Amino acid sequence: MAKLEQYRQLIQEILTTHSQIDFGNPELESELILDLVRDRYQLMHIGWRDEQRIYGCSLHLDIKNEKIWIQHDGTEGGIAQQLIDRGIPKTDIVLAFHSPFKRQFTEFAVC
């Protein structure tokens, strides 16, 4: 249970840090979606750039079977590396944005 709580806290910290990035656009809002009951975590960006609507998910992570599943990573540096840098073993990170077949060729967990 301590591992699960550590993963929850770490994900919230990382997403909170990403949500505070200033894009220099007062019309663009970062929105954190933290479902602590189902262990689903998202960072959305919502707003306007000139006359164009911005609505999209930058990061989406889930915790399943005591592993962190990266469902979507729209960051430049990659959230997997941030997790590793904070002590999460690659065996506890699933690159869910890759097909199950392709995951076996990565250094990360298959499922």
PDB file of N, CA and C in Angstrom:
ATOM      1  N   MET A   1       0.819  -1.205   0.000  1.00  0.00           N
ATOM      2  CA  MET A   1       0.000   0.000   0.000  1.00  0.00           C
ATOM      3  C   MET A   1       0.865   1.271   0.000  1.00  0.00           C
ATOM      4  N   ALA A   2       2.028   1.194   0.641  1.00  0.00           N
ATOM      5  CA  ALA A   2       2.911   2.358   0.676  1.00  0.00           C
ATOM      6  C   ALA A   2       3.384   2.710  -0.726  1.00  0.00           C
ATOM      7  N   LYS A   3       3.647   1.687  -1.537  1.00  0.00           N
ATOM      8  CA  LYS A   3       4.084   1.908  -2.920  1.00  0.00           C
ATOM      9  C   LYS A   3       2.997   2.635  -3.704  1.00  0.00           C
ATOM     10  N   LEU A   4       1.758   2.216  -3.546  1.00  0.00           N
ATOM     11  CA  LEU A   4       0.632   2.834  -4.247  1.00  0.00           C
ATOM     12  C   LEU A   4       0.477   4.297  -3.841  1.00  0.00           C
ATOM     13  N   GLU A   5       0.581   4.571  -2.570  1.00  0.00           N
ATOM     14  CA  GLU A   5       0.486   5.958  -2.094  1.00  0.00           C
ATOM     15  C   GLU A   5       1.641   6.797  -2.624  1.00  0.00           C
ATOM     16  N   GLN A   6       2.837   6.216  -2.683  1.00  0.00           N
ATOM     17  CA  GLN A   6       3.990   6.926  -3.228  1.00  0.00           C
ATOM     18  C   GLN A   6       3.744   7.280  -4.690  1.00  0.00           C
ATOM     19  N   TYR A   7       3.212   6.335  -5.469  1.00  0.00           N
ATOM     20  CA  TYR A   7       2.954   6.567  -6.884  1.00  0.00           C
ATOM     21  C   TYR A   7       1.886   7.637  -7.078  1.00  0.00           C
ATOM     22  N   ARG A   8       0.841   7.589  -6.278  1.00  0.00           N
ATOM     23  CA  ARG A   8      -0.213   8.603  -6.358  1.00  0.00           C
ATOM     24  C   ARG A   8       0.348   9.996  -6.094  1.00  0.00           C
ATOM     25  N   GLN A   9       1.118  10.118  -5.029  1.00  0.00           N
ATOM     26  CA  GLN A   9       1.685  11.413  -4.648  1.00  0.00           C
ATOM     27  C   GLN A   9       2.632  11.928  -5.726  1.00  0.00           C
ATOM     28  N   LEU A  10       3.473  11.051  -6.247  1.00  0.00           N
ATOM     29  CA  LEU A  10       4.443  11.436  -7.263  1.00  0.00           C
ATOM     30  C   LEU A  10       3.768  11.919  -8.542  1.00  0.00           C
ATOM     31  N   ILE A  11       2.751  11.203  -8.986  1.00  0.00           N
ATOM     32  CA  ILE A  11       2.014  11.600 -10.193  1.00  0.00           C
ATOM     33  C   ILE A  11       1.368  12.969  -9.990  1.00  0.00           C
ATOM     34  N   GLN A  12       0.759  13.173  -8.841  1.00  0.00           N
ATOM     35  CA  GLN A  12       0.123  14.464  -8.574  1.00  0.00           C
ATOM     36  C   GLN A  12       1.148  15.593  -8.566  1.00  0.00           C
ATOM     37  N   GLU A  13       2.318  15.353  -7.996  1.00  0.00           N
ATOM     38  CA  GLU A  13       3.362  16.379  -7.968  1.00  0.00           C
ATOM     39  C   GLU A  13       3.837  16.722  -9.384  1.00  0.00           C
ATOM     40  N   ILE A  14       4.090  15.701 -10.192  1.00  0.00           N
ATOM     41  CA  ILE A  14       4.577  15.932 -11.549  1.00  0.00           C
ATOM     42  C   ILE A  14       3.528  16.669 -12.383  1.00  0.00           C
ATOM     43  N   LEU A  15       2.277  16.228 -12.318  1.00  0.00           N
ATOM     44  CA  LEU A  15       1.233  16.882 -13.094  1.00  0.00           C
ATOM     45  C   LEU A  15       1.001  18.318 -12.611  1.00  0.00           C
ATOM     46  N   THR A  16       1.079  18.538 -11.313  1.00  0.00           N
ATOM     47  CA  THR A  16       0.921  19.882 -10.781  1.00  0.00           C
ATOM     48  C   THR A  16       2.025  20.799 -11.310  1.00  0.00           C
ATOM     49  N   THR A  17       3.254  20.301 -11.330  1.00  0.00           N
ATOM     50  CA  THR A  17       4.367  21.084 -11.873  1.00  0.00           C
ATOM     51  C   THR A  17       4.125  21.427 -13.339  1.00  0.00           C
ATOM     52  N   HIS A  18       3.685  20.448 -14.127  1.00  0.00           N
ATOM     53  CA  HIS A  18       3.398  20.700 -15.545  1.00  0.00           C
ATOM     54  C   HIS A  18       2.237  21.684 -15.711  1.00  0.00           C
ATOM     55  N   SER A  19       1.282  21.664 -14.794  1.00  0.00           N
ATOM     56  CA  SER A  19       0.123  22.548 -14.911  1.00  0.00           C
ATOM     57  C   SER A  19       0.487  24.012 -14.656  1.00  0.00           C
ATOM     58  N   GLN A  20       1.636  24.248 -14.054  1.00  0.00           N
ATOM     59  CA  GLN A  20       2.046  25.611 -13.712  1.00  0.00           C
ATOM     60  C   GLN A  20       2.924  26.251 -14.780  1.00  0.00           C
ATOM     61  N   ILE A  21       3.144  25.560 -15.878  1.00  0.00           N
ATOM     62  CA  ILE A  21       3.934  26.134 -16.970  1.00  0.00           C
ATOM     63  C   ILE A  21       3.164  27.305 -17.568  1.00  0.00           C
ATOM     64  N   ASP A  22       3.850  28.420 -17.708  1.00  0.00           N
ATOM     65  CA  ASP A  22       3.234  29.623 -18.262  1.00  0.00           C
ATOM     66  C   ASP A  22       3.458  29.650 -19.773  1.00  0.00           C
ATOM     67  N   PHE A  23       2.382  29.562 -20.517  1.00  0.00           N
ATOM     68  CA  PHE A  23       2.458  29.588 -21.974  1.00  0.00           C
ATOM     69  C   PHE A  23       2.367  31.009 -22.529  1.00  0.00           C
ATOM     70  N   GLY A  24       2.296  31.989 -21.647  1.00  0.00           N
ATOM     71  CA  GLY A  24       2.225  33.371 -22.082  1.00  0.00           C
ATOM     72  C   GLY A  24       0.909  33.711 -22.755  1.00  0.00           C
ATOM     73  N   ASN A  25      -0.121  32.965 -22.443  1.00  0.00           N
ATOM     74  CA  ASN A  25      -1.431  33.183 -23.047  1.00  0.00           C
ATOM     75  C   ASN A  25      -2.479  33.177 -21.937  1.00  0.00           C
ATOM     76  N   PRO A  26      -3.001  34.340 -21.561  1.00  0.00           N
ATOM     77  CA  PRO A  26      -3.990  34.381 -20.484  1.00  0.00           C
ATOM     78  C   PRO A  26      -5.312  33.697 -20.844  1.00  0.00           C
ATOM     79  N   GLU A  27      -5.494  33.383 -22.114  1.00  0.00           N
ATOM     80  CA  GLU A  27      -6.721  32.717 -22.558  1.00  0.00           C
ATOM     81  C   GLU A  27      -6.611  31.192 -22.483  1.00  0.00           C
ATOM     82  N   LEU A  28      -5.439  30.679 -22.089  1.00  0.00           N
ATOM     83  CA  LEU A  28      -5.206  29.233 -22.030  1.00  0.00           C
ATOM     84  C   LEU A  28      -5.097  28.794 -20.576  1.00  0.00           C
ATOM     85  N   GLU A  29      -5.916  27.830 -20.208  1.00  0.00           N
ATOM     86  CA  GLU A  29      -5.985  27.353 -18.833  1.00  0.00           C
ATOM     87  C   GLU A  29      -5.521  25.904 -18.749  1.00  0.00           C
ATOM     88  N   SER A  30      -4.738  25.610 -17.720  1.00  0.00           N
ATOM     89  CA  SER A  30      -4.357  24.225 -17.429  1.00  0.00           C
ATOM     90  C   SER A  30      -5.344  23.683 -16.406  1.00  0.00           C
ATOM     91  N   GLU A  31      -5.829  22.490 -16.660  1.00  0.00           N
ATOM     92  CA  GLU A  31      -6.823  21.885 -15.774  1.00  0.00           C
ATOM     93  C   GLU A  31      -6.367  20.493 -15.361  1.00  0.00           C
ATOM     94  N   LEU A  32      -6.195  20.293 -14.058  1.00  0.00           N
ATOM     95  CA  LEU A  32      -5.836  18.978 -13.530  1.00  0.00           C
ATOM     96  C   LEU A  32      -7.088  18.177 -13.236  1.00  0.00           C
ATOM     97  N   ILE A  33      -7.087  16.946 -13.648  1.00  0.00           N
ATOM     98  CA  ILE A  33      -8.174  16.030 -13.331  1.00  0.00           C
ATOM     99  C   ILE A  33      -7.557  14.876 -12.555  1.00  0.00           C
ATOM    100  N   LEU A  34      -7.867  14.807 -11.262  1.00  0.00           N
ATOM    101  CA  LEU A  34      -7.275  13.817 -10.375  1.00  0.00           C
ATOM    102  C   LEU A  34      -8.377  12.938  -9.799  1.00  0.00           C
ATOM    103  N   ASP A  35      -8.484  11.722 -10.282  1.00  0.00           N
ATOM    104  CA  ASP A  35      -9.465  10.763  -9.767  1.00  0.00           C
ATOM    105  C   ASP A  35      -8.731   9.808  -8.835  1.00  0.00           C
ATOM    106  N   LEU A  36      -8.725  10.143  -7.562  1.00  0.00           N
ATOM    107  CA  LEU A  36      -7.985   9.371  -6.568  1.00  0.00           C
ATOM    108  C   LEU A  36      -8.657   8.052  -6.225  1.00  0.00           C
ATOM    109  N   VAL A  37      -9.920   7.909  -6.538  1.00  0.00           N
ATOM    110  CA  VAL A  37     -10.630   6.660  -6.270  1.00  0.00           C
ATOM    111  C   VAL A  37     -10.284   5.611  -7.330  1.00  0.00           C
ATOM    112  N   ARG A  38     -10.257   6.022  -8.587  1.00  0.00           N
ATOM    113  CA  ARG A  38      -9.995   5.096  -9.700  1.00  0.00           C
ATOM    114  C   ARG A  38      -8.555   5.172 -10.204  1.00  0.00           C
ATOM    115  N   ASP A  39      -7.747   6.032  -9.590  1.00  0.00           N
ATOM    116  CA  ASP A  39      -6.340   6.217  -9.959  1.00  0.00           C
ATOM    117  C   ASP A  39      -6.169   6.595 -11.418  1.00  0.00           C
ATOM    118  N   ARG A  40      -6.861   7.659 -11.816  1.00  0.00           N
ATOM    119  CA  ARG A  40      -6.729   8.221 -13.162  1.00  0.00           C
ATOM    120  C   ARG A  40      -6.352   9.694 -13.021  1.00  0.00           C
ATOM    121  N   TYR A  41      -5.362  10.101 -13.801  1.00  0.00           N
ATOM    122  CA  TYR A  41      -4.800  11.442 -13.650  1.00  0.00           C
ATOM    123  C   TYR A  41      -4.565  12.044 -15.026  1.00  0.00           C
ATOM    124  N   GLN A  42      -5.080  13.279 -15.223  1.00  0.00           N
ATOM    125  CA  GLN A  42      -4.927  13.941 -16.515  1.00  0.00           C
ATOM    126  C   GLN A  42      -4.589  15.416 -16.327  1.00  0.00           C
ATOM    127  N   LEU A  43      -3.869  15.932 -17.314  1.00  0.00           N
ATOM    128  CA  LEU A  43      -3.633  17.367 -17.417  1.00  0.00           C
ATOM    129  C   LEU A  43      -4.184  17.806 -18.762  1.00  0.00           C
ATOM    130  N   MET A  44      -5.158  18.698 -18.710  1.00  0.00           N
ATOM    131  CA  MET A  44      -5.799  19.220 -19.912  1.00  0.00           C
ATOM    132  C   MET A  44      -5.389  20.677 -20.106  1.00  0.00           C
ATOM    133  N   HIS A  45      -5.415  21.106 -21.363  1.00  0.00           N
ATOM    134  CA  HIS A  45      -5.243  22.520 -21.688  1.00  0.00           C
ATOM    135  C   HIS A  45      -6.487  22.965 -22.453  1.00  0.00           C
ATOM    136  N   ILE A  46      -7.086  24.042 -21.953  1.00  0.00           N
ATOM    137  CA  ILE A  46      -8.375  24.494 -22.472  1.00  0.00           C
ATOM    138  C   ILE A  46      -8.333  26.005 -22.638  1.00  0.00           C
ATOM    139  N   GLY A  47      -8.855  26.483 -23.745  1.00  0.00           N
ATOM    140  CA  GLY A  47      -8.914  27.923 -23.939  1.00  0.00           C
ATOM    141  C   GLY A  47      -8.882  28.301 -25.403  1.00  0.00           C
ATOM    142  N   TRP A  48      -8.260  29.465 -25.654  1.00  0.00           N
ATOM    143  CA  TRP A  48      -8.241  30.022 -27.008  1.00  0.00           C
ATOM    144  C   TRP A  48      -6.865  30.544 -27.347  1.00  0.00           C
ATOM    145  N   ARG A  49      -6.480  30.408 -28.581  1.00  0.00           N
ATOM    146  CA  ARG A  49      -5.301  31.059 -29.160  1.00  0.00           C
ATOM    147  C   ARG A  49      -5.821  31.793 -30.377  1.00  0.00           C
ATOM    148  N   ASP A  50      -5.855  33.115 -30.262  1.00  0.00           N
ATOM    149  CA  ASP A  50      -6.490  33.950 -31.282  1.00  0.00           C
ATOM    150  C   ASP A  50      -7.938  33.475 -31.436  1.00  0.00           C
ATOM    151  N   GLU A  51      -8.325  33.044 -32.602  1.00  0.00           N
ATOM    152  CA  GLU A  51      -9.693  32.570 -32.825  1.00  0.00           C
ATOM    153  C   GLU A  51      -9.784  31.045 -32.859  1.00  0.00           C
ATOM    154  N   GLN A  52      -8.700  30.369 -32.479  1.00  0.00           N
ATOM    155  CA  GLN A  52      -8.678  28.903 -32.527  1.00  0.00           C
ATOM    156  C   GLN A  52      -8.901  28.324 -31.131  1.00  0.00           C
ATOM    157  N   ARG A  53      -9.822  27.387 -31.033  1.00  0.00           N
ATOM    158  CA  ARG A  53     -10.130  26.716 -29.775  1.00  0.00           C
ATOM    159  C   ARG A  53      -9.031  25.715 -29.449  1.00  0.00           C
ATOM    160  N   ILE A  54      -8.572  25.743 -28.217  1.00  0.00           N
ATOM    161  CA  ILE A  54      -7.580  24.789 -27.717  1.00  0.00           C
ATOM    162  C   ILE A  54      -8.292  23.891 -26.706  1.00  0.00           C
ATOM    163  N   TYR A  55      -8.249  22.614 -26.943  1.00  0.00           N
ATOM    164  CA  TYR A  55      -8.824  21.655 -26.004  1.00  0.00           C
ATOM    165  C   TYR A  55      -8.088  20.338 -26.211  1.00  0.00           C
ATOM    166  N   GLY A  56      -7.283  19.976 -25.241  1.00  0.00           N
ATOM    167  CA  GLY A  56      -6.553  18.737 -25.421  1.00  0.00           C
ATOM    168  C   GLY A  56      -5.888  18.252 -24.153  1.00  0.00           C
ATOM    169  N   CYS A  57      -5.597  16.982 -24.185  1.00  0.00           N
ATOM    170  CA  CYS A  57      -4.951  16.305 -23.069  1.00  0.00           C
ATOM    171  C   CYS A  57      -3.445  16.308 -23.301  1.00  0.00           C
ATOM    172  N   SER A  58      -2.694  16.842 -22.345  1.00  0.00           N
ATOM    173  CA  SER A  58      -1.230  16.833 -22.433  1.00  0.00           C
ATOM    174  C   SER A  58      -0.653  15.580 -21.798  1.00  0.00           C
ATOM    175  N   LEU A  59      -1.227  15.173 -20.674  1.00  0.00           N
ATOM    176  CA  LEU A  59      -0.755  13.987 -19.961  1.00  0.00           C
ATOM    177  C   LEU A  59      -1.925  13.187 -19.430  1.00  0.00           C
ATOM    178  N   HIS A  60      -1.830  11.874 -19.537  1.00  0.00           N
ATOM    179  CA  HIS A  60      -2.840  10.990 -18.975  1.00  0.00           C
ATOM    180  C   HIS A  60      -2.114   9.770 -18.416  1.00  0.00           C
ATOM    181  N   LEU A  61      -2.216   9.589 -17.115  1.00  0.00           N
ATOM    182  CA  LEU A  61      -1.607   8.445 -16.448  1.00  0.00           C
ATOM    183  C   LEU A  61      -2.653   7.731 -15.611  1.00  0.00           C
ATOM    184  N   ASP A  62      -2.538   6.426 -15.532  1.00  0.00           N
ATOM    185  CA  ASP A  62      -3.383   5.611 -14.668  1.00  0.00           C
ATOM    186  C   ASP A  62      -2.475   4.754 -13.802  1.00  0.00           C
ATOM    187  N   ILE A  63      -2.988   4.325 -12.673  1.00  0.00           N
ATOM    188  CA  ILE A  63      -2.304   3.312 -11.877  1.00  0.00           C
ATOM    189  C   ILE A  63      -3.177   2.066 -11.925  1.00  0.00           C
ATOM    190  N   LYS A  64      -2.593   0.980 -12.441  1.00  0.00           N
ATOM    191  CA  LYS A  64      -3.297  -0.304 -12.515  1.00  0.00           C
ATOM    192  C   LYS A  64      -2.347  -1.395 -12.060  1.00  0.00           C
ATOM    193  N   ASN A  65      -2.821  -2.256 -11.186  1.00  0.00           N
ATOM    194  CA  ASN A  65      -2.017  -3.378 -10.698  1.00  0.00           C
ATOM    195  C   ASN A  65      -0.648  -2.919 -10.192  1.00  0.00           C
ATOM    196  N   GLU A  66      -0.647  -1.797  -9.462  1.00  0.00           N
ATOM    197  CA  GLU A  66       0.548  -1.218  -8.853  1.00  0.00           C
ATOM    198  C   GLU A  66       1.614  -0.816  -9.871  1.00  0.00           C
ATOM    199  N   LYS A  67       1.182  -0.501 -11.088  1.00  0.00           N
ATOM    200  CA  LYS A  67       2.077   0.012 -12.117  1.00  0.00           C
ATOM    201  C   LYS A  67       1.494   1.311 -12.657  1.00  0.00           C
ATOM    202  N   ILE A  68       2.384   2.183 -13.108  1.00  0.00           N
ATOM    203  CA  ILE A  68       1.966   3.448 -13.703  1.00  0.00           C
ATOM    204  C   ILE A  68       1.850   3.247 -15.205  1.00  0.00           C
ATOM    205  N   TRP A  69       0.648   3.456 -15.717  1.00  0.00           N
ATOM    206  CA  TRP A  69       0.361   3.305 -17.151  1.00  0.00           C
ATOM    207  C   TRP A  69       0.341   4.698 -17.771  1.00  0.00           C
ATOM    208  N   ILE A  70       1.254   4.965 -18.685  1.00  0.00           N
ATOM    209  CA  ILE A  70       1.268   6.241 -19.388  1.00  0.00           C
ATOM    210  C   ILE A  70       0.379   6.083 -20.620  1.00  0.00           C
ATOM    211  N   GLN A  71      -0.830   6.624 -20.527  1.00  0.00           N
ATOM    212  CA  GLN A  71      -1.801   6.501 -21.612  1.00  0.00           C
ATOM    213  C   GLN A  71      -1.519   7.502 -22.737  1.00  0.00           C
ATOM    214  N   HIS A  72      -1.074   8.700 -22.339  1.00  0.00           N
ATOM    215  CA  HIS A  72      -0.750   9.744 -23.321  1.00  0.00           C
ATOM    216  C   HIS A  72       0.326  10.637 -22.736  1.00  0.00           C
ATOM    217  N   ASP A  73       1.316  10.964 -23.556  1.00  0.00           N
ATOM    218  CA  ASP A  73       2.389  11.852 -23.129  1.00  0.00           C
ATOM    219  C   ASP A  73       2.620  12.883 -24.217  1.00  0.00           C
ATOM    220  N   GLY A  74       2.155  14.096 -23.970  1.00  0.00           N
ATOM    221  CA  GLY A  74       2.328  15.172 -24.929  1.00  0.00           C
ATOM    222  C   GLY A  74       3.436  16.136 -24.535  1.00  0.00           C
ATOM    223  N   THR A  75       4.346  15.688 -23.656  1.00  0.00           N
ATOM    224  CA  THR A  75       5.450  16.544 -23.235  1.00  0.00           C
ATOM    225  C   THR A  75       6.649  16.350 -24.153  1.00  0.00           C
ATOM    226  N   GLU A  76       7.548  17.314 -24.139  1.00  0.00           N
ATOM    227  CA  GLU A  76       8.739  17.224 -24.986  1.00  0.00           C
ATOM    228  C   GLU A  76       9.748  16.227 -24.435  1.00  0.00           C
ATOM    229  N   GLY A  77       9.996  16.274 -23.140  1.00  0.00           N
ATOM    230  CA  GLY A  77      11.032  15.437 -22.544  1.00  0.00           C
ATOM    231  C   GLY A  77      10.601  14.031 -22.204  1.00  0.00           C
ATOM    232  N   GLY A  78       9.320  13.824 -22.069  1.00  0.00           N
ATOM    233  CA  GLY A  78       8.798  12.504 -21.729  1.00  0.00           C
ATOM    234  C   GLY A  78       8.628  12.304 -20.235  1.00  0.00           C
ATOM    235  N   ILE A  79       7.421  11.948 -19.843  1.00  0.00           N
ATOM    236  CA  ILE A  79       7.133  11.771 -18.421  1.00  0.00           C
ATOM    237  C   ILE A  79       7.747  10.488 -17.875  1.00  0.00           C
ATOM    238  N   ALA A  80       7.979   9.490 -18.726  1.00  0.00           N
ATOM    239  CA  ALA A  80       8.605   8.244 -18.255  1.00  0.00           C
ATOM    240  C   ALA A  80       9.962   8.549 -17.625  1.00  0.00           C
ATOM    241  N   GLN A  81      10.735   9.400 -18.258  1.00  0.00           N
ATOM    242  CA  GLN A  81      12.059   9.741 -17.717  1.00  0.00           C
ATOM    243  C   GLN A  81      11.935  10.486 -16.391  1.00  0.00           C
ATOM    244  N   GLN A  82      10.921  11.318 -16.264  1.00  0.00           N
ATOM    245  CA  GLN A  82      10.712  12.025 -14.997  1.00  0.00           C
ATOM    246  C   GLN A  82      10.395  11.034 -13.884  1.00  0.00           C
ATOM    247  N   LEU A  83       9.603  10.014 -14.202  1.00  0.00           N
ATOM    248  CA  LEU A  83       9.276   8.988 -13.211  1.00  0.00           C
ATOM    249  C   LEU A  83      10.528   8.209 -12.814  1.00  0.00           C
ATOM    250  N   ILE A  84      11.333   7.848 -13.794  1.00  0.00           N
ATOM    251  CA  ILE A  84      12.577   7.122 -13.521  1.00  0.00           C
ATOM    252  C   ILE A  84      13.502   7.962 -12.654  1.00  0.00           C
ATOM    253  N   ASP A  85      13.617   9.241 -12.993  1.00  0.00           N
ATOM    254  CA  ASP A  85      14.474  10.151 -12.226  1.00  0.00           C
ATOM    255  C   ASP A  85      14.022  10.275 -10.777  1.00  0.00           C
ATOM    256  N   ARG A  86      12.767  10.005 -10.534  1.00  0.00           N
ATOM    257  CA  ARG A  86      12.230  10.084  -9.163  1.00  0.00           C
ATOM    258  C   ARG A  86      12.204   8.713  -8.475  1.00  0.00           C
ATOM    259  N   GLY A  87      12.850   7.725  -9.099  1.00  0.00           N
ATOM    260  CA  GLY A  87      13.020   6.435  -8.435  1.00  0.00           C
ATOM    261  C   GLY A  87      12.056   5.331  -8.814  1.00  0.00           C
ATOM    262  N   ILE A  88      11.179   5.564  -9.783  1.00  0.00           N
ATOM    263  CA  ILE A  88      10.245   4.517 -10.205  1.00  0.00           C
ATOM    264  C   ILE A  88      10.989   3.566 -11.154  1.00  0.00           C
ATOM    265  N   PRO A  89      10.997   2.267 -10.864  1.00  0.00           N
ATOM    266  CA  PRO A  89      11.683   1.331 -11.758  1.00  0.00           C
ATOM    267  C   PRO A  89      10.930   1.178 -13.085  1.00  0.00           C
ATOM    268  N   LYS A  90      11.670   0.940 -14.150  1.00  0.00           N
ATOM    269  CA  LYS A  90      11.053   0.757 -15.463  1.00  0.00           C
ATOM    270  C   LYS A  90      10.072  -0.404 -15.463  1.00  0.00           C
ATOM    271  N   THR A  91      10.283  -1.373 -14.592  1.00  0.00           N
ATOM    272  CA  THR A  91       9.384  -2.525 -14.509  1.00  0.00           C
ATOM    273  C   THR A  91       8.012  -2.158 -13.950  1.00  0.00           C
ATOM    274  N   ASP A  92       7.881  -0.936 -13.409  1.00  0.00           N
ATOM    275  CA  ASP A  92       6.599  -0.459 -12.884  1.00  0.00           C
ATOM    276  C   ASP A  92       5.987   0.628 -13.767  1.00  0.00           C
ATOM    277  N   ILE A  93       6.526   0.805 -14.968  1.00  0.00           N
ATOM    278  CA  ILE A  93       6.005   1.810 -15.901  1.00  0.00           C
ATOM    279  C   ILE A  93       5.600   1.099 -17.189  1.00  0.00           C
ATOM    280  N   VAL A  94       4.351   1.295 -17.590  1.00  0.00           N
ATOM    281  CA  VAL A  94       3.831   0.721 -18.837  1.00  0.00           C
ATOM    282  C   VAL A  94       3.621   1.857 -19.833  1.00  0.00           C
ATOM    283  N   LEU A  95       4.224   1.734 -20.998  1.00  0.00           N
ATOM    284  CA  LEU A  95       4.016   2.709 -22.068  1.00  0.00           C
ATOM    285  C   LEU A  95       2.758   2.299 -22.830  1.00  0.00           C
ATOM    286  N   ALA A  96       1.623   2.627 -22.258  1.00  0.00           N
ATOM    287  CA  ALA A  96       0.336   2.164 -22.785  1.00  0.00           C
ATOM    288  C   ALA A  96       0.003   2.766 -24.139  1.00  0.00           C
ATOM    289  N   PHE A  97       0.694   3.835 -24.530  1.00  0.00           N
ATOM    290  CA  PHE A  97       0.453   4.430 -25.846  1.00  0.00           C
ATOM    291  C   PHE A  97       1.082   3.591 -26.957  1.00  0.00           C
ATOM    292  N   HIS A  98       1.893   2.596 -26.586  1.00  0.00           N
ATOM    293  CA  HIS A  98       2.396   1.619 -27.559  1.00  0.00           C
ATOM    294  C   HIS A  98       1.483   0.398 -27.543  1.00  0.00           C
ATOM    295  N   SER A  99       1.362  -0.275 -28.663  1.00  0.00           N
ATOM    296  CA  SER A  99       0.548  -1.490 -28.719  1.00  0.00           C
ATOM    297  C   SER A  99       1.156  -2.552 -27.805  1.00  0.00           C
ATOM    298  N   PRO A 100       0.335  -3.470 -27.294  1.00  0.00           N
ATOM    299  CA  PRO A 100       0.878  -4.542 -26.448  1.00  0.00           C
ATOM    300  C   PRO A 100       2.020  -5.306 -27.135  1.00  0.00           C
ATOM    301  N   PHE A 101       1.922  -5.512 -28.427  1.00  0.00           N
ATOM    302  CA  PHE A 101       2.993  -6.202 -29.145  1.00  0.00           C
ATOM    303  C   PHE A 101       4.292  -5.411 -29.097  1.00  0.00           C
ATOM    304  N   LYS A 102       4.213  -4.127 -29.308  1.00  0.00           N
ATOM    305  CA  LYS A 102       5.414  -3.287 -29.370  1.00  0.00           C
ATOM    306  C   LYS A 102       6.066  -3.116 -27.998  1.00  0.00           C
ATOM    307  N   ARG A 103       5.286  -3.178 -26.924  1.00  0.00           N
ATOM    308  CA  ARG A 103       5.819  -2.967 -25.575  1.00  0.00           C
ATOM    309  C   ARG A 103       6.912  -3.962 -25.214  1.00  0.00           C
ATOM    310  N   GLN A 104       6.843  -5.176 -25.751  1.00  0.00           N
ATOM    311  CA  GLN A 104       7.841  -6.186 -25.407  1.00  0.00           C
ATOM    312  C   GLN A 104       9.247  -5.804 -25.867  1.00  0.00           C
ATOM    313  N   PHE A 105       9.347  -4.878 -26.785  1.00  0.00           N
ATOM    314  CA  PHE A 105      10.652  -4.463 -27.308  1.00  0.00           C
ATOM    315  C   PHE A 105      11.204  -3.227 -26.591  1.00  0.00           C
ATOM    316  N   THR A 106      10.489  -2.740 -25.559  1.00  0.00           N
ATOM    317  CA  THR A 106      10.965  -1.608 -24.774  1.00  0.00           C
ATOM    318  C   THR A 106      11.606  -2.139 -23.498  1.00  0.00           C
ATOM    319  N   GLU A 107      12.224  -1.256 -22.768  1.00  0.00           N
ATOM    320  CA  GLU A 107      12.815  -1.616 -21.467  1.00  0.00           C
ATOM    321  C   GLU A 107      11.781  -1.512 -20.345  1.00  0.00           C
ATOM    322  N   PHE A 108      10.553  -1.198 -20.710  1.00  0.00           N
ATOM    323  CA  PHE A 108       9.513  -0.978 -19.708  1.00  0.00           C
ATOM    324  C   PHE A 108       8.610  -2.199 -19.560  1.00  0.00           C
ATOM    325  N   ALA A 109       7.697  -2.117 -18.601  1.00  0.00           N
ATOM    326  CA  ALA A 109       6.762  -3.219 -18.349  1.00  0.00           C
ATOM    327  C   ALA A 109       5.848  -3.425 -19.551  1.00  0.00           C
ATOM    328  N   VAL A 110       5.440  -4.667 -19.761  1.00  0.00           N
ATOM    329  CA  VAL A 110       4.527  -4.998 -20.853  1.00  0.00           C
ATOM    330  C   VAL A 110       3.092  -4.723 -20.419  1.00  0.00           C
ATOM    331  N   CYS A 111       2.774  -5.079 -19.196  1.00  0.00           N
ATOM    332  CA  CYS A 111       1.450  -4.784 -18.622  1.00  0.00           C
ATOM    333  C   CYS A 111       1.489  -4.921 -17.127  1.00  0.00           C
TER     334      CYS A 111
END
